[in-house]
Amino acid sequence: MAIVSRLLIIIGFFMLTGFSPAEKERSSIQPYTLKNGLNAFIISHKNDFSKNEVDLRLVIRAGSLQENDDERGYAHFVEHMAFNGTRDYPKNSLIAALEDLGIRFATHANASTHFNYT
């Protein structure tokens, strides 16, 4: 009975993981510092499923752990302000410009706040 149980576990493992080797993803990361000091990273991905994909990440090296009690929520506020417009793209025109390029807001463009970065 123990042998049958072990055999079923092994078969189940292979059914869940598949018999094919794992896909090899090749990524490269290019860091940038913008004129305003904001850190930006362009991450290019090449794999068997997506031939050419790029992530653009704007990173603030501060998150919720760096906030004092009277500053709670600031990192989350800054996260939302990234899509709230700039001098060149006032109000929601940034989102409209991204959508004109085929980028769907909240699907392809999103933001997040973590403990140590935003």
PDB file of N, CA and C in Angstrom:
ATOM      1  N   MET A   1       0.818  -1.189   0.000  1.00  0.00           N
ATOM      2  CA  MET A   1       0.000   0.000   0.000  1.00  0.00           C
ATOM      3  C   MET A   1       0.867   1.260   0.000  1.00  0.00           C
ATOM      4  N   ALA A   2       1.954   1.249   0.768  1.00  0.00           N
ATOM      5  CA  ALA A   2       2.843   2.409   0.824  1.00  0.00           C
ATOM      6  C   ALA A   2       3.494   2.662  -0.527  1.00  0.00           C
ATOM      7  N   ILE A   3       3.822   1.597  -1.248  1.00  0.00           N
ATOM      8  CA  ILE A   3       4.447   1.744  -2.566  1.00  0.00           C
ATOM      9  C   ILE A   3       3.458   2.380  -3.543  1.00  0.00           C
ATOM     10  N   VAL A   4       2.203   1.964  -3.492  1.00  0.00           N
ATOM     11  CA  VAL A   4       1.179   2.524  -4.375  1.00  0.00           C
ATOM     12  C   VAL A   4       0.982   4.008  -4.072  1.00  0.00           C
ATOM     13  N   SER A   5       0.958   4.366  -2.791  1.00  0.00           N
ATOM     14  CA  SER A   5       0.802   5.770  -2.403  1.00  0.00           C
ATOM     15  C   SER A   5       1.953   6.613  -2.924  1.00  0.00           C
ATOM     16  N   ARG A   6       3.171   6.126  -2.771  1.00  0.00           N
ATOM     17  CA  ARG A   6       4.338   6.863  -3.260  1.00  0.00           C
ATOM     18  C   ARG A   6       4.311   6.992  -4.776  1.00  0.00           C
ATOM     19  N   LEU A   7       3.917   5.932  -5.451  1.00  0.00           N
ATOM     20  CA  LEU A   7       3.839   5.956  -6.905  1.00  0.00           C
ATOM     21  C   LEU A   7       2.803   6.979  -7.368  1.00  0.00           C
ATOM     22  N   LEU A   8       1.663   7.035  -6.694  1.00  0.00           N
ATOM     23  CA  LEU A   8       0.637   8.017  -7.044  1.00  0.00           C
ATOM     24  C   LEU A   8       1.122   9.443  -6.804  1.00  0.00           C
ATOM     25  N   ILE A   9       1.868   9.651  -5.744  1.00  0.00           N
ATOM     26  CA  ILE A   9       2.430  10.976  -5.469  1.00  0.00           C
ATOM     27  C   ILE A   9       3.401  11.377  -6.569  1.00  0.00           C
ATOM     28  N   ILE A  10       4.266  10.473  -6.980  1.00  0.00           N
ATOM     29  CA  ILE A  10       5.238  10.763  -8.040  1.00  0.00           C
ATOM     30  C   ILE A  10       4.522  11.054  -9.356  1.00  0.00           C
ATOM     31  N   ILE A  11       3.530  10.248  -9.703  1.00  0.00           N
ATOM     32  CA  ILE A  11       2.773  10.476 -10.941  1.00  0.00           C
ATOM     33  C   ILE A  11       2.047  11.819 -10.871  1.00  0.00           C
ATOM     34  N   GLY A  12       1.450  12.118  -9.736  1.00  0.00           N
ATOM     35  CA  GLY A  12       0.774  13.403  -9.556  1.00  0.00           C
ATOM     36  C   GLY A  12       1.720  14.576  -9.697  1.00  0.00           C
ATOM     37  N   PHE A  13       2.931  14.431  -9.166  1.00  0.00           N
ATOM     38  CA  PHE A  13       3.933  15.487  -9.286  1.00  0.00           C
ATOM     39  C   PHE A  13       4.236  15.771 -10.751  1.00  0.00           C
ATOM     40  N   PHE A  14       4.473  14.722 -11.526  1.00  0.00           N
ATOM     41  CA  PHE A  14       4.782  14.909 -12.943  1.00  0.00           C
ATOM     42  C   PHE A  14       3.588  15.452 -13.720  1.00  0.00           C
ATOM     43  N   MET A  15       2.392  15.099 -13.309  1.00  0.00           N
ATOM     44  CA  MET A  15       1.212  15.635 -13.985  1.00  0.00           C
ATOM     45  C   MET A  15       1.070  17.125 -13.720  1.00  0.00           C
ATOM     46  N   LEU A  16       1.414  17.568 -12.526  1.00  0.00           N
ATOM     47  CA  LEU A  16       1.311  18.983 -12.185  1.00  0.00           C
ATOM     48  C   LEU A  16       2.438  19.813 -12.783  1.00  0.00           C
ATOM     49  N   THR A  17       3.630  19.253 -12.821  1.00  0.00           N
ATOM     50  CA  THR A  17       4.775  20.027 -13.303  1.00  0.00           C
ATOM     51  C   THR A  17       5.026  19.838 -14.783  1.00  0.00           C
ATOM     52  N   GLY A  18       4.513  18.799 -15.370  1.00  0.00           N
ATOM     53  CA  GLY A  18       4.726  18.541 -16.790  1.00  0.00           C
ATOM     54  C   GLY A  18       6.042  17.833 -17.020  1.00  0.00           C
ATOM     55  N   PHE A  19       6.155  17.252 -18.182  1.00  0.00           N
ATOM     56  CA  PHE A  19       7.371  16.525 -18.527  1.00  0.00           C
ATOM     57  C   PHE A  19       8.353  17.384 -19.307  1.00  0.00           C
ATOM     58  N   SER A  20       7.885  18.519 -19.811  1.00  0.00           N
ATOM     59  CA  SER A  20       8.776  19.357 -20.620  1.00  0.00           C
ATOM     60  C   SER A  20       9.681  20.179 -19.718  1.00  0.00           C
ATOM     61  N   PRO A  21      10.865  20.509 -20.202  1.00  0.00           N
ATOM     62  CA  PRO A  21      11.760  21.335 -19.396  1.00  0.00           C
ATOM     63  C   PRO A  21      11.183  22.736 -19.229  1.00  0.00           C
ATOM     64  N   ALA A  22      11.553  23.373 -18.163  1.00  0.00           N
ATOM     65  CA  ALA A  22      11.065  24.720 -17.891  1.00  0.00           C
ATOM     66  C   ALA A  22      11.539  25.678 -18.975  1.00  0.00           C
ATOM     67  N   GLU A  23      10.677  26.623 -19.276  1.00  0.00           N
ATOM     68  CA  GLU A  23      11.012  27.625 -20.280  1.00  0.00           C
ATOM     69  C   GLU A  23      12.154  28.493 -19.765  1.00  0.00           C
ATOM     70  N   LYS A  24      13.084  28.780 -20.633  1.00  0.00           N
ATOM     71  CA  LYS A  24      14.207  29.615 -20.249  1.00  0.00           C
ATOM     72  C   LYS A  24      13.897  31.051 -20.647  1.00  0.00           C
ATOM     73  N   GLU A  25      13.797  31.917 -19.662  1.00  0.00           N
ATOM     74  CA  GLU A  25      13.542  33.322 -19.939  1.00  0.00           C
ATOM     75  C   GLU A  25      14.852  34.077 -19.868  1.00  0.00           C
ATOM     76  N   ARG A  26      15.031  34.932 -20.831  1.00  0.00           N
ATOM     77  CA  ARG A  26      16.222  35.761 -20.870  1.00  0.00           C
ATOM     78  C   ARG A  26      15.782  37.196 -20.621  1.00  0.00           C
ATOM     79  N   SER A  27      16.258  37.791 -19.572  1.00  0.00           N
ATOM     80  CA  SER A  27      15.895  39.160 -19.231  1.00  0.00           C
ATOM     81  C   SER A  27      17.150  39.996 -19.088  1.00  0.00           C
ATOM     82  N   SER A  28      16.992  41.259 -19.400  1.00  0.00           N
ATOM     83  CA  SER A  28      18.077  42.195 -19.133  1.00  0.00           C
ATOM     84  C   SER A  28      17.468  43.416 -18.454  1.00  0.00           C
ATOM     85  N   ILE A  29      18.221  43.986 -17.539  1.00  0.00           N
ATOM     86  CA  ILE A  29      17.743  45.140 -16.775  1.00  0.00           C
ATOM     87  C   ILE A  29      18.672  46.310 -17.043  1.00  0.00           C
ATOM     88  N   GLN A  30      18.083  47.431 -17.469  1.00  0.00           N
ATOM     89  CA  GLN A  30      18.851  48.649 -17.685  1.00  0.00           C
ATOM     90  C   GLN A  30      18.372  49.691 -16.679  1.00  0.00           C
ATOM     91  N   PRO A  31      19.223  50.060 -15.720  1.00  0.00           N
ATOM     92  CA  PRO A  31      18.818  51.083 -14.749  1.00  0.00           C
ATOM     93  C   PRO A  31      19.082  52.493 -15.287  1.00  0.00           C
ATOM     94  N   TYR A  32      18.229  53.424 -14.930  1.00  0.00           N
ATOM     95  CA  TYR A  32      18.373  54.829 -15.304  1.00  0.00           C
ATOM     96  C   TYR A  32      18.050  55.676 -14.086  1.00  0.00           C
ATOM     97  N   THR A  33      18.620  56.865 -14.031  1.00  0.00           N
ATOM     98  CA  THR A  33      18.227  57.866 -13.053  1.00  0.00           C
ATOM     99  C   THR A  33      17.758  59.082 -13.835  1.00  0.00           C
ATOM    100  N   LEU A  34      16.508  59.472 -13.633  1.00  0.00           N
ATOM    101  CA  LEU A  34      15.945  60.606 -14.346  1.00  0.00           C
ATOM    102  C   LEU A  34      16.482  61.912 -13.777  1.00  0.00           C
ATOM    103  N   LYS A  35      16.273  63.010 -14.497  1.00  0.00           N
ATOM    104  CA  LYS A  35      16.769  64.325 -14.059  1.00  0.00           C
ATOM    105  C   LYS A  35      16.251  64.699 -12.674  1.00  0.00           C
ATOM    106  N   ASN A  36      15.044  64.260 -12.352  1.00  0.00           N
ATOM    107  CA  ASN A  36      14.463  64.587 -11.050  1.00  0.00           C
ATOM    108  C   ASN A  36      14.902  63.634  -9.938  1.00  0.00           C
ATOM    109  N   GLY A  37      15.806  62.689 -10.260  1.00  0.00           N
ATOM    110  CA  GLY A  37      16.323  61.763  -9.265  1.00  0.00           C
ATOM    111  C   GLY A  37      15.553  60.458  -9.151  1.00  0.00           C
ATOM    112  N   LEU A  38      14.441  60.348  -9.858  1.00  0.00           N
ATOM    113  CA  LEU A  38      13.640  59.128  -9.814  1.00  0.00           C
ATOM    114  C   LEU A  38      14.390  57.990 -10.494  1.00  0.00           C
ATOM    115  N   ASN A  39      14.363  56.830  -9.869  1.00  0.00           N
ATOM    116  CA  ASN A  39      15.016  55.646 -10.439  1.00  0.00           C
ATOM    117  C   ASN A  39      14.062  54.961 -11.409  1.00  0.00           C
ATOM    118  N   ALA A  40      14.572  54.618 -12.578  1.00  0.00           N
ATOM    119  CA  ALA A  40      13.777  53.913 -13.584  1.00  0.00           C
ATOM    120  C   ALA A  40      14.548  52.686 -14.034  1.00  0.00           C
ATOM    121  N   PHE A  41      13.821  51.628 -14.300  1.00  0.00           N
ATOM    122  CA  PHE A  41      14.423  50.384 -14.785  1.00  0.00           C
ATOM    123  C   PHE A  41      13.635  49.920 -15.999  1.00  0.00           C
ATOM    124  N   ILE A  42      14.331  49.598 -17.067  1.00  0.00           N
ATOM    125  CA  ILE A  42      13.703  48.976 -18.226  1.00  0.00           C
ATOM    126  C   ILE A  42      14.146  47.525 -18.226  1.00  0.00           C
ATOM    127  N   ILE A  43      13.180  46.636 -18.135  1.00  0.00           N
ATOM    128  CA  ILE A  43      13.448  45.201 -18.071  1.00  0.00           C
ATOM    129  C   ILE A  43      12.899  44.583 -19.354  1.00  0.00           C
ATOM    130  N   SER A  44      13.785  44.048 -20.176  1.00  0.00           N
ATOM    131  CA  SER A  44      13.331  43.407 -21.413  1.00  0.00           C
ATOM    132  C   SER A  44      13.297  41.904 -21.205  1.00  0.00           C
ATOM    133  N   HIS A  45      12.242  41.284 -21.708  1.00  0.00           N
ATOM    134  CA  HIS A  45      12.032  39.844 -21.565  1.00  0.00           C
ATOM    135  C   HIS A  45      12.015  39.199 -22.940  1.00  0.00           C
ATOM    136  N   LYS A  46      12.664  38.097 -23.061  1.00  0.00           N
ATOM    137  CA  LYS A  46      12.594  37.295 -24.278  1.00  0.00           C
ATOM    138  C   LYS A  46      12.414  35.847 -23.835  1.00  0.00           C
ATOM    139  N   ASN A  47      11.306  35.244 -24.263  1.00  0.00           N
ATOM    140  CA  ASN A  47      11.058  33.847 -23.941  1.00  0.00           C
ATOM    141  C   ASN A  47      10.259  33.212 -25.074  1.00  0.00           C
ATOM    142  N   ASP A  48       9.877  31.979 -24.918  1.00  0.00           N
ATOM    143  CA  ASP A  48       9.192  31.257 -25.985  1.00  0.00           C
ATOM    144  C   ASP A  48       7.777  31.765 -26.250  1.00  0.00           C
ATOM    145  N   PHE A  49       7.151  32.391 -25.259  1.00  0.00           N
ATOM    146  CA  PHE A  49       5.766  32.817 -25.415  1.00  0.00           C
ATOM    147  C   PHE A  49       5.647  34.265 -25.860  1.00  0.00           C
ATOM    148  N   SER A  50       6.447  35.137 -25.302  1.00  0.00           N
ATOM    149  CA  SER A  50       6.407  36.548 -25.677  1.00  0.00           C
ATOM    150  C   SER A  50       7.765  36.907 -26.253  1.00  0.00           C
ATOM    151  N   LYS A  51       7.792  37.170 -27.507  1.00  0.00           N
ATOM    152  CA  LYS A  51       9.070  37.383 -28.193  1.00  0.00           C
ATOM    153  C   LYS A  51       9.770  38.650 -27.715  1.00  0.00           C
ATOM    154  N   ASN A  52       9.025  39.709 -27.529  1.00  0.00           N
ATOM    155  CA  ASN A  52       9.633  40.970 -27.097  1.00  0.00           C
ATOM    156  C   ASN A  52       8.675  41.692 -26.159  1.00  0.00           C
ATOM    157  N   GLU A  53       8.974  41.666 -24.896  1.00  0.00           N
ATOM    158  CA  GLU A  53       8.194  42.404 -23.912  1.00  0.00           C
ATOM    159  C   GLU A  53       9.137  43.259 -23.095  1.00  0.00           C
ATOM    160  N   VAL A  54       8.622  44.401 -22.657  1.00  0.00           N
ATOM    161  CA  VAL A  54       9.424  45.319 -21.861  1.00  0.00           C
ATOM    162  C   VAL A  54       8.594  45.776 -20.673  1.00  0.00           C
ATOM    163  N   ASP A  55       9.207  45.817 -19.508  1.00  0.00           N
ATOM    164  CA  ASP A  55       8.611  46.442 -18.324  1.00  0.00           C
ATOM    165  C   ASP A  55       9.345  47.745 -18.091  1.00  0.00           C
ATOM    166  N   LEU A  56       8.606  48.794 -17.789  1.00  0.00           N
ATOM    167  CA  LEU A  56       9.200  50.051 -17.349  1.00  0.00           C
ATOM    168  C   LEU A  56       8.779  50.229 -15.909  1.00  0.00           C
ATOM    169  N   ARG A  57       9.733  50.341 -15.028  1.00  0.00           N
ATOM    170  CA  ARG A  57       9.425  50.485 -13.604  1.00  0.00           C
ATOM    171  C   ARG A  57      10.054  51.759 -13.073  1.00  0.00           C
ATOM    172  N   LEU A  58       9.233  52.603 -12.506  1.00  0.00           N
ATOM    173  CA  LEU A  58       9.698  53.794 -11.806  1.00  0.00           C
ATOM    174  C   LEU A  58       9.699  53.430 -10.332  1.00  0.00           C
ATOM    175  N   VAL A  59      10.836  53.594  -9.684  1.00  0.00           N
ATOM    176  CA  VAL A  59      10.986  53.089  -8.319  1.00  0.00           C
ATOM    177  C   VAL A  59      11.396  54.213  -7.380  1.00  0.00           C
ATOM    178  N   ILE A  60      10.642  54.356  -6.314  1.00  0.00           N
ATOM    179  CA  ILE A  60      11.016  55.237  -5.211  1.00  0.00           C
ATOM    180  C   ILE A  60      11.487  54.323  -4.098  1.00  0.00           C
ATOM    181  N   ARG A  61      12.687  54.538  -3.651  1.00  0.00           N
ATOM    182  CA  ARG A  61      13.274  53.632  -2.650  1.00  0.00           C
ATOM    183  C   ARG A  61      12.824  53.992  -1.237  1.00  0.00           C
ATOM    184  N   ALA A  62      11.536  54.069  -1.091  1.00  0.00           N
ATOM    185  CA  ALA A  62      10.904  54.295   0.208  1.00  0.00           C
ATOM    186  C   ALA A  62       9.504  53.708   0.129  1.00  0.00           C
ATOM    187  N   GLY A  63       9.093  53.091   1.191  1.00  0.00           N
ATOM    188  CA  GLY A  63       7.767  52.491   1.238  1.00  0.00           C
ATOM    189  C   GLY A  63       7.110  52.772   2.566  1.00  0.00           C
ATOM    190  N   SER A  64       6.151  51.962   2.921  1.00  0.00           N
ATOM    191  CA  SER A  64       5.369  52.209   4.128  1.00  0.00           C
ATOM    192  C   SER A  64       6.193  52.112   5.409  1.00  0.00           C
ATOM    193  N   LEU A  65       7.281  51.336   5.410  1.00  0.00           N
ATOM    194  CA  LEU A  65       8.104  51.232   6.625  1.00  0.00           C
ATOM    195  C   LEU A  65       8.876  52.510   6.924  1.00  0.00           C
ATOM    196  N   GLN A  66       9.103  53.344   5.912  1.00  0.00           N
ATOM    197  CA  GLN A  66       9.842  54.582   6.122  1.00  0.00           C
ATOM    198  C   GLN A  66       8.939  55.730   6.578  1.00  0.00           C
ATOM    199  N   GLU A  67       7.644  55.506   6.656  1.00  0.00           N
ATOM    200  CA  GLU A  67       6.717  56.552   7.064  1.00  0.00           C
ATOM    201  C   GLU A  67       6.639  56.642   8.587  1.00  0.00           C
ATOM    202  N   ASN A  68       6.587  57.871   9.089  1.00  0.00           N
ATOM    203  CA  ASN A  68       6.304  58.094  10.505  1.00  0.00           C
ATOM    204  C   ASN A  68       4.797  57.983  10.712  1.00  0.00           C
ATOM    205  N   ASP A  69       4.368  57.973  11.966  1.00  0.00           N
ATOM    206  CA  ASP A  69       2.938  57.849  12.250  1.00  0.00           C
ATOM    207  C   ASP A  69       2.121  58.947  11.575  1.00  0.00           C
ATOM    208  N   ASP A  70       2.656  60.179  11.549  1.00  0.00           N
ATOM    209  CA  ASP A  70       1.914  61.282  10.935  1.00  0.00           C
ATOM    210  C   ASP A  70       2.076  61.327   9.411  1.00  0.00           C
ATOM    211  N   GLU A  71       2.766  60.347   8.832  1.00  0.00           N
ATOM    212  CA  GLU A  71       2.976  60.287   7.382  1.00  0.00           C
ATOM    213  C   GLU A  71       2.316  59.060   6.750  1.00  0.00           C
ATOM    214  N   ARG A  72       1.561  58.331   7.521  1.00  0.00           N
ATOM    215  CA  ARG A  72       0.966  57.091   7.002  1.00  0.00           C
ATOM    216  C   ARG A  72       0.131  57.362   5.759  1.00  0.00           C
ATOM    217  N   GLY A  73       0.389  56.575   4.732  1.00  0.00           N
ATOM    218  CA  GLY A  73      -0.349  56.710   3.487  1.00  0.00           C
ATOM    219  C   GLY A  73       0.346  57.540   2.427  1.00  0.00           C
ATOM    220  N   TYR A  74       1.453  58.230   2.788  1.00  0.00           N
ATOM    221  CA  TYR A  74       2.147  59.070   1.802  1.00  0.00           C
ATOM    222  C   TYR A  74       2.686  58.245   0.636  1.00  0.00           C
ATOM    223  N   ALA A  75       3.292  57.109   0.917  1.00  0.00           N
ATOM    224  CA  ALA A  75       3.853  56.281  -0.161  1.00  0.00           C
ATOM    225  C   ALA A  75       2.738  55.834  -1.103  1.00  0.00           C
ATOM    226  N   HIS A  76       1.611  55.467  -0.543  1.00  0.00           N
ATOM    227  CA  HIS A  76       0.475  55.050  -1.365  1.00  0.00           C
ATOM    228  C   HIS A  76      -0.061  56.230  -2.186  1.00  0.00           C
ATOM    229  N   PHE A  77      -0.063  57.414  -1.586  1.00  0.00           N
ATOM    230  CA  PHE A  77      -0.495  58.626  -2.289  1.00  0.00           C
ATOM    231  C   PHE A  77       0.429  58.914  -3.472  1.00  0.00           C
ATOM    232  N   VAL A  78       1.739  58.828  -3.247  1.00  0.00           N
ATOM    233  CA  VAL A  78       2.709  59.061  -4.325  1.00  0.00           C
ATOM    234  C   VAL A  78       2.510  58.041  -5.444  1.00  0.00           C
ATOM    235  N   GLU A  79       2.223  56.812  -5.082  1.00  0.00           N
ATOM    236  CA  GLU A  79       1.964  55.765  -6.077  1.00  0.00           C
ATOM    237  C   GLU A  79       0.843  56.187  -7.026  1.00  0.00           C
ATOM    238  N   HIS A  80      -0.236  56.724  -6.479  1.00  0.00           N
ATOM    239  CA  HIS A  80      -1.361  57.144  -7.314  1.00  0.00           C
ATOM    240  C   HIS A  80      -1.044  58.401  -8.110  1.00  0.00           C
ATOM    241  N   MET A  81      -0.211  59.265  -7.583  1.00  0.00           N
ATOM    242  CA  MET A  81       0.135  60.503  -8.281  1.00  0.00           C
ATOM    243  C   MET A  81       0.939  60.237  -9.550  1.00  0.00           C
ATOM    244  N   ALA A  82       1.577  59.084  -9.648  1.00  0.00           N
ATOM    245  CA  ALA A  82       2.361  58.764 -10.847  1.00  0.00           C
ATOM    246  C   ALA A  82       1.488  58.765 -12.096  1.00  0.00           C
ATOM    247  N   PHE A  83       0.205  58.491 -11.954  1.00  0.00           N
ATOM    248  CA  PHE A  83      -0.707  58.458 -13.103  1.00  0.00           C
ATOM    249  C   PHE A  83      -1.629  59.673 -13.144  1.00  0.00           C
ATOM    250  N   ASN A  84      -1.383  60.651 -12.283  1.00  0.00           N
ATOM    251  CA  ASN A  84      -2.298  61.777 -12.157  1.00  0.00           C
ATOM    252  C   ASN A  84      -1.924  62.958 -13.040  1.00  0.00           C
ATOM    253  N   GLY A  85      -0.970  62.809 -13.914  1.00  0.00           N
ATOM    254  CA  GLY A  85      -0.612  63.875 -14.837  1.00  0.00           C
ATOM    255  C   GLY A  85       0.720  64.521 -14.512  1.00  0.00           C
ATOM    256  N   THR A  86       1.269  65.177 -15.527  1.00  0.00           N
ATOM    257  CA  THR A  86       2.542  65.890 -15.410  1.00  0.00           C
ATOM    258  C   THR A  86       2.398  67.219 -16.138  1.00  0.00           C
ATOM    259  N   ARG A  87       3.461  67.964 -16.213  1.00  0.00           N
ATOM    260  CA  ARG A  87       3.448  69.227 -16.944  1.00  0.00           C
ATOM    261  C   ARG A  87       3.100  68.978 -18.419  1.00  0.00           C
ATOM    262  N   ASP A  88       3.676  67.936 -19.000  1.00  0.00           N
ATOM    263  CA  ASP A  88       3.439  67.631 -20.414  1.00  0.00           C
ATOM    264  C   ASP A  88       2.166  66.821 -20.659  1.00  0.00           C
ATOM    265  N   TYR A  89       1.684  66.130 -19.646  1.00  0.00           N
ATOM    266  CA  TYR A  89       0.463  65.316 -19.753  1.00  0.00           C
ATOM    267  C   TYR A  89      -0.468  65.674 -18.598  1.00  0.00           C
ATOM    268  N   PRO A  90      -1.185  66.805 -18.690  1.00  0.00           N
ATOM    269  CA  PRO A  90      -2.037  67.223 -17.575  1.00  0.00           C
ATOM    270  C   PRO A  90      -3.217  66.277 -17.343  1.00  0.00           C
ATOM    271  N   LYS A  91      -3.611  66.201 -16.085  1.00  0.00           N
ATOM    272  CA  LYS A  91      -4.749  65.400 -15.625  1.00  0.00           C
ATOM    273  C   LYS A  91      -4.688  63.975 -16.157  1.00  0.00           C
ATOM    274  N   ASN A  92      -5.729  63.502 -16.810  1.00  0.00           N
ATOM    275  CA  ASN A  92      -5.785  62.111 -17.269  1.00  0.00           C
ATOM    276  C   ASN A  92      -5.231  61.907 -18.669  1.00  0.00           C
ATOM    277  N   SER A  93      -4.589  62.913 -19.255  1.00  0.00           N
ATOM    278  CA  SER A  93      -4.097  62.753 -20.624  1.00  0.00           C
ATOM    279  C   SER A  93      -2.954  61.739 -20.698  1.00  0.00           C
ATOM    280  N   LEU A  94      -2.246  61.497 -19.600  1.00  0.00           N
ATOM    281  CA  LEU A  94      -1.205  60.465 -19.594  1.00  0.00           C
ATOM    282  C   LEU A  94      -1.836  59.089 -19.812  1.00  0.00           C
ATOM    283  N   ILE A  95      -2.920  58.827 -19.117  1.00  0.00           N
ATOM    284  CA  ILE A  95      -3.610  57.543 -19.282  1.00  0.00           C
ATOM    285  C   ILE A  95      -4.138  57.419 -20.710  1.00  0.00           C
ATOM    286  N   ALA A  96      -4.701  58.497 -21.247  1.00  0.00           N
ATOM    287  CA  ALA A  96      -5.211  58.469 -22.623  1.00  0.00           C
ATOM    288  C   ALA A  96      -4.081  58.214 -23.616  1.00  0.00           C
ATOM    289  N   ALA A  97      -2.918  58.837 -23.400  1.00  0.00           N
ATOM    290  CA  ALA A  97      -1.771  58.630 -24.295  1.00  0.00           C
ATOM    291  C   ALA A  97      -1.290  57.185 -24.235  1.00  0.00           C
ATOM    292  N   LEU A  98      -1.257  56.605 -23.043  1.00  0.00           N
ATOM    293  CA  LEU A  98      -0.859  55.204 -22.908  1.00  0.00           C
ATOM    294  C   LEU A  98      -1.865  54.284 -23.595  1.00  0.00           C
ATOM    295  N   GLU A  99      -3.147  54.595 -23.441  1.00  0.00           N
ATOM    296  CA  GLU A  99      -4.173  53.770 -24.085  1.00  0.00           C
ATOM    297  C   GLU A  99      -4.112  53.881 -25.606  1.00  0.00           C
ATOM    298  N   ASP A 100      -3.718  55.051 -26.121  1.00  0.00           N
ATOM    299  CA  ASP A 100      -3.536  55.204 -27.570  1.00  0.00           C
ATOM    300  C   ASP A 100      -2.423  54.305 -28.094  1.00  0.00           C
ATOM    301  N   LEU A 101      -1.476  53.960 -27.222  1.00  0.00           N
ATOM    302  CA  LEU A 101      -0.382  53.061 -27.597  1.00  0.00           C
ATOM    303  C   LEU A 101      -0.763  51.587 -27.429  1.00  0.00           C
ATOM    304  N   GLY A 102      -1.991  51.337 -26.968  1.00  0.00           N
ATOM    305  CA  GLY A 102      -2.437  49.960 -26.770  1.00  0.00           C
ATOM    306  C   GLY A 102      -2.235  49.448 -25.361  1.00  0.00           C
ATOM    307  N   ILE A 103      -1.836  50.318 -24.459  1.00  0.00           N
ATOM    308  CA  ILE A 103      -1.614  49.931 -23.065  1.00  0.00           C
ATOM    309  C   ILE A 103      -2.918  50.133 -22.302  1.00  0.00           C
ATOM    310  N   ARG A 104      -3.393  49.080 -21.661  1.00  0.00           N
ATOM    311  CA  ARG A 104      -4.629  49.175 -20.891  1.00  0.00           C
ATOM    312  C   ARG A 104      -4.292  49.509 -19.444  1.00  0.00           C
ATOM    313  N   PHE A 105      -4.879  50.599 -18.972  1.00  0.00           N
ATOM    314  CA  PHE A 105      -4.641  51.032 -17.601  1.00  0.00           C
ATOM    315  C   PHE A 105      -5.162  49.973 -16.640  1.00  0.00           C
ATOM    316  N   ALA A 106      -4.398  49.687 -15.598  1.00  0.00           N
ATOM    317  CA  ALA A 106      -4.678  48.697 -14.549  1.00  0.00           C
ATOM    318  C   ALA A 106      -4.465  47.268 -15.026  1.00  0.00           C
ATOM    319  N   THR A 107      -4.261  47.061 -16.326  1.00  0.00           N
ATOM    320  CA  THR A 107      -3.890  45.739 -16.824  1.00  0.00           C
ATOM    321  C   THR A 107      -2.413  45.734 -17.175  1.00  0.00           C
ATOM    322  N   HIS A 108      -2.013  46.674 -18.027  1.00  0.00           N
ATOM    323  CA  HIS A 108      -0.610  46.794 -18.427  1.00  0.00           C
ATOM    324  C   HIS A 108       0.118  47.871 -17.628  1.00  0.00           C
ATOM    325  N   ALA A 109      -0.604  48.829 -17.094  1.00  0.00           N
ATOM    326  CA  ALA A 109      -0.004  49.918 -16.321  1.00  0.00           C
ATOM    327  C   ALA A 109      -0.596  49.872 -14.919  1.00  0.00           C
ATOM    328  N   ASN A 110       0.258  49.744 -13.931  1.00  0.00           N
ATOM    329  CA  ASN A 110      -0.222  49.632 -12.569  1.00  0.00           C
ATOM    330  C   ASN A 110       0.865  50.114 -11.625  1.00  0.00           C
ATOM    331  N   ALA A 111       0.517  50.287 -10.380  1.00  0.00           N
ATOM    332  CA  ALA A 111       1.468  50.742  -9.374  1.00  0.00           C
ATOM    333  C   ALA A 111       1.230  49.964  -8.086  1.00  0.00           C
ATOM    334  N   SER A 112       2.241  49.970  -7.222  1.00  0.00           N
ATOM    335  CA  SER A 112       2.100  49.263  -5.950  1.00  0.00           C
ATOM    336  C   SER A 112       3.014  49.884  -4.906  1.00  0.00           C
ATOM    337  N   THR A 113       2.602  49.748  -3.661  1.00  0.00           N
ATOM    338  CA  THR A 113       3.386  50.220  -2.526  1.00  0.00           C
ATOM    339  C   THR A 113       3.810  49.007  -1.711  1.00  0.00           C
ATOM    340  N   HIS A 114       5.078  48.942  -1.382  1.00  0.00           N
ATOM    341  CA  HIS A 114       5.617  47.837  -0.592  1.00  0.00           C
ATOM    342  C   HIS A 114       6.247  48.410   0.676  1.00  0.00           C
ATOM    343  N   PHE A 115       6.821  47.556   1.490  1.00  0.00           N
ATOM    344  CA  PHE A 115       7.433  48.022   2.728  1.00  0.00           C
ATOM    345  C   PHE A 115       8.631  48.929   2.475  1.00  0.00           C
ATOM    346  N   ASN A 116       9.470  48.600   1.493  1.00  0.00           N
ATOM    347  CA  ASN A 116      10.716  49.341   1.288  1.00  0.00           C
ATOM    348  C   ASN A 116      10.807  50.088  -0.030  1.00  0.00           C
ATOM    349  N   TYR A 117       9.805  49.999  -0.865  1.00  0.00           N
ATOM    350  CA  TYR A 117       9.824  50.752  -2.123  1.00  0.00           C
ATOM    351  C   TYR A 117       8.402  50.951  -2.625  1.00  0.00           C
ATOM    352  N   THR A 118       8.276  51.939  -3.505  1.00  0.00           N
ATOM    353  CA  THR A 118       6.985  52.269  -4.112  1.00  0.00           C
ATOM    354  C   THR A 118       7.174  52.302  -5.612  1.00  0.00           C
TER     355      THR A 118
END
